[in-house]
Amino acid sequence: MQLLLAVVASLPSLSPGICIGYSAIAVPQIQAYDSLWLNSEQISWFTSIFAISAPFGCLISWPLLDLTGRKTTLLLINLPNLVGWLLIATVCRSSYPVPQLYAGRALTGISIGMSSIPTTIYLMEVISPHSPYLRGLIGTWSSIFLSIGVCIVYVLGAIFDWVTIAYIALLFPVVSCCAVAFFLPESPQWLLSKGRLGDSEWAFKKLRLTSTSRPPGITNIHESCKLILSPDQDCSTCTEKTIGQYLDLRVYIVIAYLVNIVEGLHINILDPYSVTMLCGIIQLVTNVTVSLLLPKLGLRLICLSSGTGMAASMLLLALYLPTVQYSGLQVRFNLLPFITFLFFNFAAAAGFLTLPWFLVGEIFLPSVKCAAGGISTCVAYILCFLALKYFPYFTGDFEEDWAGVCFYFSAMSAVATLFLYYFLPETQGRTLEQISADFK
């Protein structure tokens, strides 16, 4: 029952994953084949506008979670997604194609921001909230489903054109909305916080929660309300906790510009779309594996290993590219950038891509979970927008200085790993209250 709930609650993250990876397959097709030609400035906006609109989704989801409930928010996520993909799919018929394209991407970006917090919070509240093992196993599922969305769009990109993919993407918010409406009950913790004691008891029975999986005091409803509503944590303590949200920006650059990056790194063993599809599969398999290993290995070990692997692989690429340019070793060592880049995707998916969003539900107590989660995700997406918007200028419109880009990625991965080593607490085998105490 709990696994089914986790799957259904994570479905709203599928379409945002498709949106994040969509530009990687759409931009090269628009540049090469389509009559809707975009210049460099327009391409940077097309790729990044979802990230600058995502904070608005975060700000919307924050009050919605408290006012309308977790389930209703999960339903509303699908509305801007549906409209956004419809605008993108019909852009070639529009008299104003570029503004419509921007509007569609912006609406799907709002949906991404709205989906960043509710799934994690809902799962942490209804999936045995005081069981560290289940929290670790299921808490990463929103990231896994986002990776499934990325993988889906990469696979579709190797088969269909970008307009057809937009039409296919319309189906996912419809399926998600129906599944959430029929299968998910409202969060008992939210119902308790609103004083709806009878509804809360009904939700507990529907969720089939045992007495050991209920929050302390559930046998006494009034004590449970006090537990949930108690101001036991101040939002001013959110600063250190939200830094982890910023550590995966390089990963999102790779996801959004993957085909262009593959071409820039001279990876020609396979065509760029096949390499992109392979990277999506690696990210998905790695995310699933991490969700299974996280309860056993712990957060710190996985994050530190991820950052070290990213730094080492990017450093190797940075050293390889100048060697190819000046000594003509490209044919002999053609396999090296291919394997190294795949390893970078594996290392990123193992930690920096998946776990920052897991931390939102893991380290914030119920009294500030909605506000703190919304603020941290909002700031993270603003930084993501800046990274995506100016990355084409950083690489000379994808035509030069890829060695410098790899050196920069390697250095930033090393800095992020050092930060995690000194500041990231271990969450393995600890309750939410124990984890939060480390930041007081």
Protein backbone atom coordinates (compact mmCIF):
# COMPACT_ATOMS: atom_id res chain seq x y z
CA MET A 1 0.00 0.00 0.00
CA GLN A 2 2.74 2.45 0.95
CA LEU A 3 4.70 1.72 -2.25
CA LEU A 4 1.57 2.37 -4.34
CA LEU A 5 1.04 5.69 -2.57
CA ALA A 6 4.67 6.64 -3.19
CA VAL A 7 4.34 5.87 -6.92
CA VAL A 8 1.11 7.86 -7.31
CA ALA A 9 2.37 10.82 -5.27
CA SER A 10 5.52 10.94 -7.42
CA LEU A 11 3.67 10.97 -10.76
CA PRO A 12 3.42 14.81 -10.85
CA SER A 13 7.25 14.87 -11.09
CA LEU A 14 7.24 13.01 -14.43
CA SER A 15 6.19 15.93 -16.62
CA PRO A 16 8.60 18.42 -14.97
CA GLY A 17 11.40 15.95 -15.75
CA ILE A 18 10.32 15.97 -19.39
CA CYS A 19 10.38 19.78 -19.34
CA ILE A 20 13.91 19.97 -17.89
CA GLY A 21 15.34 17.59 -20.48
CA TYR A 22 13.22 18.89 -23.38
CA SER A 23 15.59 21.65 -24.46
CA ALA A 24 18.45 19.14 -24.89
CA ILE A 25 16.64 17.47 -27.79
CA ALA A 26 14.59 20.44 -29.05
CA VAL A 27 17.35 23.04 -29.47
CA PRO A 28 19.52 21.04 -31.91
CA GLN A 29 16.45 20.11 -33.96
CA ILE A 30 15.24 23.71 -34.12
CA GLN A 31 18.72 24.91 -35.10
CA ALA A 32 19.27 22.28 -37.78
CA TYR A 33 15.94 21.33 -39.30
CA ASP A 34 13.04 23.52 -38.27
CA SER A 35 11.66 26.66 -39.91
CA LEU A 36 11.25 28.16 -36.41
CA TRP A 37 14.88 29.26 -36.23
CA LEU A 38 16.08 30.80 -32.97
CA ASN A 39 19.18 32.94 -32.49
CA SER A 40 21.61 32.44 -29.60
CA GLU A 41 19.79 34.85 -27.31
CA GLN A 42 16.42 33.21 -27.97
CA ILE A 43 17.89 29.73 -27.44
CA SER A 44 19.26 30.74 -24.05
CA TRP A 45 15.81 32.05 -23.06
CA PHE A 46 14.06 28.95 -24.42
CA THR A 47 16.35 26.73 -22.36
CA SER A 48 16.39 28.73 -19.12
CA ILE A 49 13.00 30.41 -18.83
CA PHE A 50 11.51 27.41 -17.03
CA ALA A 51 14.02 27.95 -14.21
CA ILE A 52 13.16 31.64 -13.67
CA SER A 53 9.43 30.83 -13.64
CA ALA A 54 9.91 27.85 -11.29
CA PRO A 55 10.35 30.12 -8.20
CA PHE A 56 6.83 31.46 -8.82
CA GLY A 57 5.65 27.86 -8.68
CA CYS A 58 7.51 27.42 -5.39
CA LEU A 59 5.89 30.54 -3.97
CA ILE A 60 2.48 29.33 -5.15
CA SER A 61 2.89 25.83 -3.70
CA TRP A 62 3.96 27.15 -0.29
CA PRO A 63 0.58 28.70 0.67
CA LEU A 64 -1.35 26.06 -1.28
CA LEU A 65 0.17 23.29 0.83
CA ASP A 66 -1.06 24.94 4.01
CA LEU A 67 -4.38 26.33 2.76
CA THR A 68 -5.71 23.62 0.44
CA GLY A 69 -3.75 20.56 1.58
CA ARG A 70 -1.10 18.26 0.17
CA LYS A 71 -3.39 16.29 -2.15
CA THR A 72 -5.04 19.34 -3.72
CA THR A 73 -1.61 20.87 -4.38
CA LEU A 74 -0.50 17.65 -6.09
CA LEU A 75 -3.57 17.95 -8.33
CA LEU A 76 -3.01 21.62 -9.16
CA ILE A 77 0.57 20.95 -10.27
CA ASN A 78 -0.80 19.42 -13.46
CA LEU A 79 -2.81 22.46 -14.63
CA PRO A 80 0.04 24.79 -15.76
CA ASN A 81 1.83 21.72 -17.11
CA LEU A 82 -1.08 20.82 -19.37
CA VAL A 83 -1.54 24.36 -20.70
CA GLY A 84 2.21 24.83 -21.16
CA TRP A 85 2.69 21.71 -23.27
CA LEU A 86 -0.38 22.61 -25.33
CA LEU A 87 1.17 26.00 -26.16
CA ILE A 88 4.47 24.38 -27.13
CA ALA A 89 2.80 21.70 -29.25
CA THR A 90 0.83 24.26 -31.27
CA VAL A 91 3.60 26.85 -31.59
CA CYS A 92 4.16 26.25 -35.33
CA ARG A 93 0.55 27.30 -36.01
CA SER A 94 0.85 30.52 -34.06
CA SER A 95 1.23 34.01 -35.49
CA TYR A 96 3.61 34.78 -32.62
CA PRO A 97 5.60 31.54 -32.27
CA VAL A 98 8.51 32.75 -30.15
CA PRO A 99 6.41 34.46 -27.42
CA GLN A 100 4.11 31.42 -27.36
CA LEU A 101 7.12 29.13 -27.04
CA TYR A 102 8.38 31.20 -24.11
CA ALA A 103 4.92 31.18 -22.49
CA GLY A 104 4.67 27.40 -22.79
CA ARG A 105 8.10 26.89 -21.26
CA ALA A 106 7.31 29.37 -18.49
CA LEU A 107 4.09 27.56 -17.57
CA THR A 108 5.83 24.18 -17.45
CA GLY A 109 8.48 25.88 -15.30
CA ILE A 110 5.81 27.00 -12.86
CA SER A 111 4.70 23.38 -12.67
CA ILE A 112 8.29 22.33 -11.93
CA GLY A 113 8.45 24.77 -9.03
CA MET A 114 5.10 23.60 -7.72
CA SER A 115 6.20 19.94 -7.85
CA SER A 116 9.53 20.43 -6.06
CA ILE A 117 8.15 20.37 -2.52
CA PRO A 118 4.66 18.78 -2.23
CA THR A 119 5.62 15.23 -3.22
CA THR A 120 8.50 15.04 -0.76
CA ILE A 121 6.47 16.56 2.07
CA TYR A 122 3.48 14.30 1.40
CA LEU A 123 5.60 11.16 1.36
CA MET A 124 7.49 12.12 4.51
CA GLU A 125 4.18 12.67 6.32
CA VAL A 126 2.28 9.56 5.23
CA ILE A 127 4.98 6.93 4.62
CA SER A 128 5.82 5.92 8.17
CA PRO A 129 7.19 9.33 9.17
CA HIS A 130 9.12 7.92 12.14
CA SER A 131 10.76 5.10 10.21
CA PRO A 132 14.24 6.23 9.04
CA TYR A 133 14.55 3.23 6.71
CA LEU A 134 11.35 3.98 4.79
CA ARG A 135 12.13 7.71 4.75
CA GLY A 136 15.45 6.97 3.09
CA LEU A 137 13.98 4.44 0.67
CA ILE A 138 10.99 6.47 -0.51
CA GLY A 139 12.12 10.04 0.14
CA THR A 140 14.12 10.11 -3.11
CA TRP A 141 11.23 8.93 -5.29
CA SER A 142 10.25 12.41 -6.49
CA SER A 143 13.78 12.76 -7.87
CA ILE A 144 13.56 9.28 -9.38
CA PHE A 145 10.36 10.14 -11.21
CA LEU A 146 11.87 13.40 -12.39
CA SER A 147 14.76 11.34 -13.79
CA ILE A 148 12.23 9.00 -15.43
CA GLY A 149 10.76 12.08 -17.13
CA VAL A 150 14.22 13.15 -18.32
CA CYS A 151 14.92 9.62 -19.59
CA ILE A 152 11.55 9.51 -21.39
CA VAL A 153 12.20 12.75 -23.28
CA TYR A 154 15.72 11.61 -24.23
CA VAL A 155 14.35 8.35 -25.64
CA LEU A 156 11.55 10.16 -27.46
CA GLY A 157 14.10 12.62 -28.85
CA ALA A 158 15.90 9.81 -30.64
CA ILE A 159 12.61 8.81 -32.35
CA PHE A 160 10.32 11.84 -32.78
CA ASP A 161 10.63 15.51 -33.59
CA TRP A 162 10.27 18.13 -30.87
CA VAL A 163 6.66 19.08 -31.76
CA THR A 164 5.44 15.47 -31.61
CA ILE A 165 7.16 15.06 -28.24
CA ALA A 166 5.22 18.09 -26.94
CA TYR A 167 1.95 16.43 -27.95
CA ILE A 168 3.00 13.20 -26.21
CA ALA A 169 3.93 15.19 -23.09
CA LEU A 170 0.31 16.35 -22.83
CA LEU A 171 -0.69 12.87 -21.69
CA PHE A 172 1.42 12.82 -18.54
CA PRO A 173 -0.33 15.58 -16.50
CA VAL A 174 -3.70 14.04 -17.42
CA VAL A 175 -2.66 10.59 -16.14
CA SER A 176 -1.07 12.12 -13.04
CA CYS A 177 -4.17 14.13 -12.17
CA CYS A 178 -6.47 11.11 -12.48
CA ALA A 179 -4.19 8.87 -10.41
CA VAL A 180 -3.80 11.40 -7.57
CA ALA A 181 -7.54 12.10 -7.49
CA PHE A 182 -8.53 8.44 -7.23
CA PHE A 183 -5.80 6.85 -5.12
CA LEU A 184 -4.37 9.41 -2.67
CA PRO A 185 -6.01 10.43 0.61
CA GLU A 186 -5.14 13.76 2.20
CA SER A 187 -2.18 13.87 4.59
CA PRO A 188 -3.37 13.06 8.13
CA GLN A 189 -0.86 15.54 9.57
CA TRP A 190 -2.35 18.38 7.52
CA LEU A 191 -5.88 17.36 8.52
CA LEU A 192 -4.82 17.36 12.16
CA SER A 193 -3.28 20.83 11.79
CA LYS A 194 -6.67 22.10 10.57
CA GLY A 195 -8.52 20.48 13.45
CA ARG A 196 -10.29 17.94 11.20
CA LEU A 197 -9.93 15.07 13.64
CA GLY A 198 -12.49 12.73 12.07
CA ASP A 199 -11.03 13.17 8.58
CA SER A 200 -7.58 12.53 9.98
CA GLU A 201 -8.64 9.24 11.55
CA TRP A 202 -10.27 8.21 8.25
CA ALA A 203 -7.04 9.06 6.39
CA PHE A 204 -5.00 6.98 8.82
CA LYS A 205 -7.26 3.99 8.21
CA LYS A 206 -7.12 4.46 4.43
CA LEU A 207 -3.33 4.67 4.59
CA ARG A 208 -3.31 1.53 6.76
CA LEU A 209 -0.83 3.09 9.16
CA THR A 210 -0.05 1.06 12.25
CA SER A 211 0.32 2.54 15.68
CA THR A 212 4.12 2.32 15.39
CA SER A 213 4.13 4.33 12.18
CA ARG A 214 1.94 7.13 13.48
CA PRO A 215 3.45 10.29 14.87
CA PRO A 216 3.83 10.32 18.66
CA GLY A 217 0.53 11.07 20.34
CA ILE A 218 -1.77 9.89 17.59
CA THR A 219 -3.71 7.90 20.15
CA ASN A 220 -4.47 11.32 21.62
CA ILE A 221 -5.59 13.55 18.76
CA HIS A 222 -5.25 16.79 20.71
CA GLU A 223 -1.63 16.03 21.60
CA SER A 224 -0.93 15.28 17.95
CA CYS A 225 -2.27 18.67 16.93
CA LYS A 226 0.03 20.36 19.44
CA LEU A 227 2.99 18.32 18.15
CA ILE A 228 2.41 19.34 14.55
CA LEU A 229 1.65 22.99 15.21
CA SER A 230 4.40 23.63 17.77
CA PRO A 231 6.88 26.36 16.74
CA ASP A 232 9.90 24.14 17.42
CA GLN A 233 12.08 25.54 14.69
CA ASP A 234 12.70 29.02 13.40
CA CYS A 235 12.92 29.77 9.68
CA SER A 236 16.13 31.66 10.33
CA THR A 237 17.88 28.29 10.66
CA CYS A 238 17.13 27.46 7.03
CA THR A 239 20.25 29.07 5.57
CA GLU A 240 22.70 26.25 6.17
CA LYS A 241 20.13 23.65 5.21
CA THR A 242 19.34 25.21 1.84
CA ILE A 243 22.93 25.38 0.62
CA GLY A 244 22.65 21.77 -0.50
CA GLN A 245 19.99 22.84 -2.99
CA TYR A 246 22.59 24.87 -4.90
CA LEU A 247 25.07 22.06 -5.40
CA ASP A 248 23.40 20.44 -8.41
CA LEU A 249 23.38 23.42 -10.82
CA ARG A 250 26.11 21.93 -13.04
CA VAL A 251 24.03 18.77 -13.34
CA TYR A 252 21.05 20.75 -14.65
CA ILE A 253 23.28 22.45 -17.21
CA VAL A 254 24.29 19.02 -18.50
CA ILE A 255 20.65 17.84 -18.60
CA ALA A 256 19.41 20.95 -20.44
CA TYR A 257 22.24 21.17 -23.00
CA LEU A 258 23.19 17.50 -23.23
CA VAL A 259 23.22 17.09 -27.03
CA ASN A 260 25.27 20.27 -27.49
CA ILE A 261 27.71 19.18 -24.78
CA VAL A 262 28.17 15.74 -26.35
CA GLU A 263 29.02 17.41 -29.66
CA GLY A 264 31.37 19.90 -27.99
CA LEU A 265 33.30 17.14 -26.21
CA HIS A 266 33.84 15.32 -29.55
CA ILE A 267 32.07 12.17 -28.39
CA ASN A 268 31.42 10.51 -31.75
CA ILE A 269 31.33 6.80 -30.97
CA LEU A 270 27.53 7.09 -31.14
CA ASP A 271 25.35 9.86 -32.51
CA PRO A 272 24.57 12.61 -29.96
CA TYR A 273 20.94 11.54 -29.46
CA SER A 274 21.96 7.95 -28.70
CA VAL A 275 24.52 9.18 -26.16
CA THR A 276 21.85 11.42 -24.66
CA MET A 277 19.44 8.50 -24.37
CA LEU A 278 22.16 6.38 -22.74
CA CYS A 279 22.89 9.14 -20.22
CA GLY A 280 19.20 9.31 -19.33
CA ILE A 281 19.07 5.57 -18.72
CA ILE A 282 22.20 5.74 -16.55
CA GLN A 283 20.71 8.56 -14.49
CA LEU A 284 17.48 6.64 -13.96
CA VAL A 285 19.12 3.33 -12.99
CA THR A 286 21.49 5.16 -10.66
CA ASN A 287 18.65 7.05 -8.97
CA VAL A 288 16.77 3.81 -8.30
CA THR A 289 19.92 2.16 -6.96
CA VAL A 290 20.61 5.11 -4.64
CA SER A 291 17.08 4.95 -3.24
CA LEU A 292 17.74 1.32 -2.27
CA LEU A 293 21.23 1.94 -0.87
CA LEU A 294 20.56 5.22 0.96
CA PRO A 295 19.04 3.65 4.09
CA LYS A 296 22.10 1.38 4.40
CA LEU A 297 24.99 3.64 3.34
CA GLY A 298 23.76 6.97 4.67
CA LEU A 299 23.56 10.41 3.11
CA ARG A 300 27.12 11.63 3.74
CA LEU A 301 28.94 8.73 2.11
CA ILE A 302 26.82 8.87 -1.04
CA CYS A 303 27.07 12.67 -1.40
CA LEU A 304 30.83 12.76 -0.84
CA SER A 305 31.37 9.91 -3.30
CA SER A 306 29.19 11.67 -5.86
CA GLY A 307 31.07 14.96 -5.62
CA THR A 308 34.46 13.25 -5.78
CA GLY A 309 33.47 11.27 -8.87
CA MET A 310 32.15 14.40 -10.62
CA ALA A 311 35.31 16.37 -9.87
CA ALA A 312 37.63 13.57 -11.01
CA SER A 313 35.77 12.84 -14.27
CA MET A 314 35.56 16.51 -15.28
CA LEU A 315 39.25 16.99 -14.48
CA LEU A 316 40.13 14.06 -16.74
CA LEU A 317 38.06 15.55 -19.58
CA ALA A 318 39.66 18.94 -19.04
CA LEU A 319 43.12 17.38 -19.43
CA TYR A 320 42.08 15.24 -22.40
CA LEU A 321 40.63 17.97 -24.63
CA PRO A 322 43.79 20.10 -24.98
CA THR A 323 45.79 16.91 -25.58
CA VAL A 324 43.52 16.02 -28.48
CA GLN A 325 43.70 19.52 -29.89
CA TYR A 326 47.49 19.83 -29.91
CA SER A 327 48.80 16.28 -30.38
CA GLY A 328 46.26 14.54 -32.62
CA LEU A 329 45.43 11.64 -30.27
CA GLN A 330 41.69 11.82 -30.87
CA VAL A 331 41.31 8.61 -32.84
CA ARG A 332 43.42 6.52 -30.51
CA PHE A 333 41.72 7.71 -27.32
CA ASN A 334 38.25 8.29 -28.76
CA LEU A 335 36.71 5.99 -26.12
CA LEU A 336 38.07 8.06 -23.24
CA PRO A 337 35.68 11.07 -23.37
CA PHE A 338 32.74 8.73 -23.91
CA ILE A 339 33.44 6.63 -20.81
CA THR A 340 34.44 9.64 -18.71
CA PHE A 341 31.30 11.58 -19.58
CA LEU A 342 29.08 8.59 -18.82
CA PHE A 343 30.85 8.23 -15.46
CA PHE A 344 30.20 11.92 -14.73
CA ASN A 345 26.49 11.34 -15.34
CA PHE A 346 26.57 8.29 -13.09
CA ALA A 347 28.35 10.17 -10.28
CA ALA A 348 26.00 13.17 -10.57
CA ALA A 349 22.87 11.00 -10.52
CA ALA A 350 24.19 9.12 -7.49
CA GLY A 351 24.12 12.18 -5.25
CA PHE A 352 24.07 15.78 -6.43
CA LEU A 353 21.11 15.34 -8.78
CA THR A 354 18.93 13.32 -6.42
CA LEU A 355 19.65 14.09 -2.79
CA PRO A 356 19.28 17.91 -2.48
CA TRP A 357 15.51 17.56 -2.99
CA PHE A 358 15.43 14.66 -0.53
CA LEU A 359 16.92 16.99 2.10
CA VAL A 360 13.86 19.26 1.98
CA GLY A 361 11.65 16.58 3.47
CA GLU A 362 14.42 15.13 5.62
CA ILE A 363 15.71 18.06 7.67
CA PHE A 364 12.81 20.50 8.05
CA LEU A 365 10.35 19.96 10.90
CA PRO A 366 6.59 20.15 10.19
CA SER A 367 6.21 23.63 11.68
CA VAL A 368 8.36 25.26 8.95
CA LYS A 369 8.52 22.53 6.31
CA CYS A 370 6.30 24.28 3.75
CA ALA A 371 7.83 27.74 4.16
CA ALA A 372 11.44 26.63 4.38
CA GLY A 373 11.09 24.16 1.53
CA GLY A 374 9.48 26.80 -0.70
CA ILE A 375 12.14 29.41 0.06
CA SER A 376 15.11 27.09 -0.45
CA THR A 377 13.78 25.68 -3.71
CA CYS A 378 12.90 29.16 -4.96
CA VAL A 379 16.45 30.42 -4.45
CA ALA A 380 17.89 27.26 -6.00
CA TYR A 381 15.89 27.73 -9.21
CA ILE A 382 16.93 31.39 -9.49
CA LEU A 383 20.56 30.27 -9.48
CA CYS A 384 19.66 27.49 -11.92
CA PHE A 385 18.21 30.10 -14.30
CA LEU A 386 21.40 32.17 -14.20
CA ALA A 387 23.51 29.08 -14.91
CA LEU A 388 21.36 27.94 -17.85
CA LYS A 389 20.88 31.43 -19.30
CA TYR A 390 24.57 32.29 -19.53
CA PHE A 391 26.08 28.88 -20.23
CA PRO A 392 25.96 29.37 -24.05
CA TYR A 393 27.97 32.59 -23.67
CA PHE A 394 30.40 30.78 -21.39
CA THR A 395 31.11 28.27 -24.16
CA GLY A 396 31.08 30.69 -27.11
CA ASP A 397 27.75 29.35 -28.39
CA PHE A 398 28.97 25.77 -27.90
CA GLU A 399 31.96 26.22 -30.22
CA GLU A 400 35.01 26.87 -28.02
CA ASP A 401 36.78 26.52 -24.66
CA TRP A 402 35.23 23.22 -23.57
CA ALA A 403 38.41 22.40 -21.65
CA GLY A 404 37.89 25.53 -19.55
CA VAL A 405 34.28 24.53 -18.91
CA CYS A 406 35.40 21.10 -17.69
CA PHE A 407 38.06 22.65 -15.42
CA TYR A 408 35.41 24.93 -13.94
CA PHE A 409 32.97 22.06 -13.40
CA SER A 410 35.70 20.02 -11.73
CA ALA A 411 36.70 22.87 -9.41
CA MET A 412 33.11 23.61 -8.38
CA SER A 413 32.44 19.93 -7.74
CA ALA A 414 35.50 19.81 -5.49
CA VAL A 415 34.38 22.92 -3.58
CA ALA A 416 30.87 21.49 -3.12
CA THR A 417 32.30 18.21 -1.86
CA LEU A 418 34.44 20.00 0.72
CA PHE A 419 31.41 21.99 1.87
CA LEU A 420 29.42 18.80 2.34
CA TYR A 421 32.26 17.17 4.21
CA TYR A 422 32.25 19.91 6.86
CA PHE A 423 28.57 20.86 7.07
CA LEU A 424 26.31 18.00 5.94
CA PRO A 425 24.95 15.98 8.90
CA GLU A 426 24.33 12.26 8.69
CA THR A 427 20.63 11.38 8.58
CA GLN A 428 20.97 7.60 8.59
CA GLY A 429 18.99 5.99 11.42
CA ARG A 430 17.92 9.30 12.95
CA THR A 431 14.49 10.89 13.39
CA LEU A 432 13.55 14.26 11.92
CA GLU A 433 13.80 15.87 15.37
CA GLN A 434 17.35 14.54 15.91
CA ILE A 435 18.51 15.74 12.50
CA SER A 436 17.04 19.19 13.00
CA ALA A 437 18.79 19.52 16.38
CA ASP A 438 22.15 19.66 14.56
CA PHE A 439 21.20 23.07 13.13
CA LYS A 440 20.09 24.70 16.37
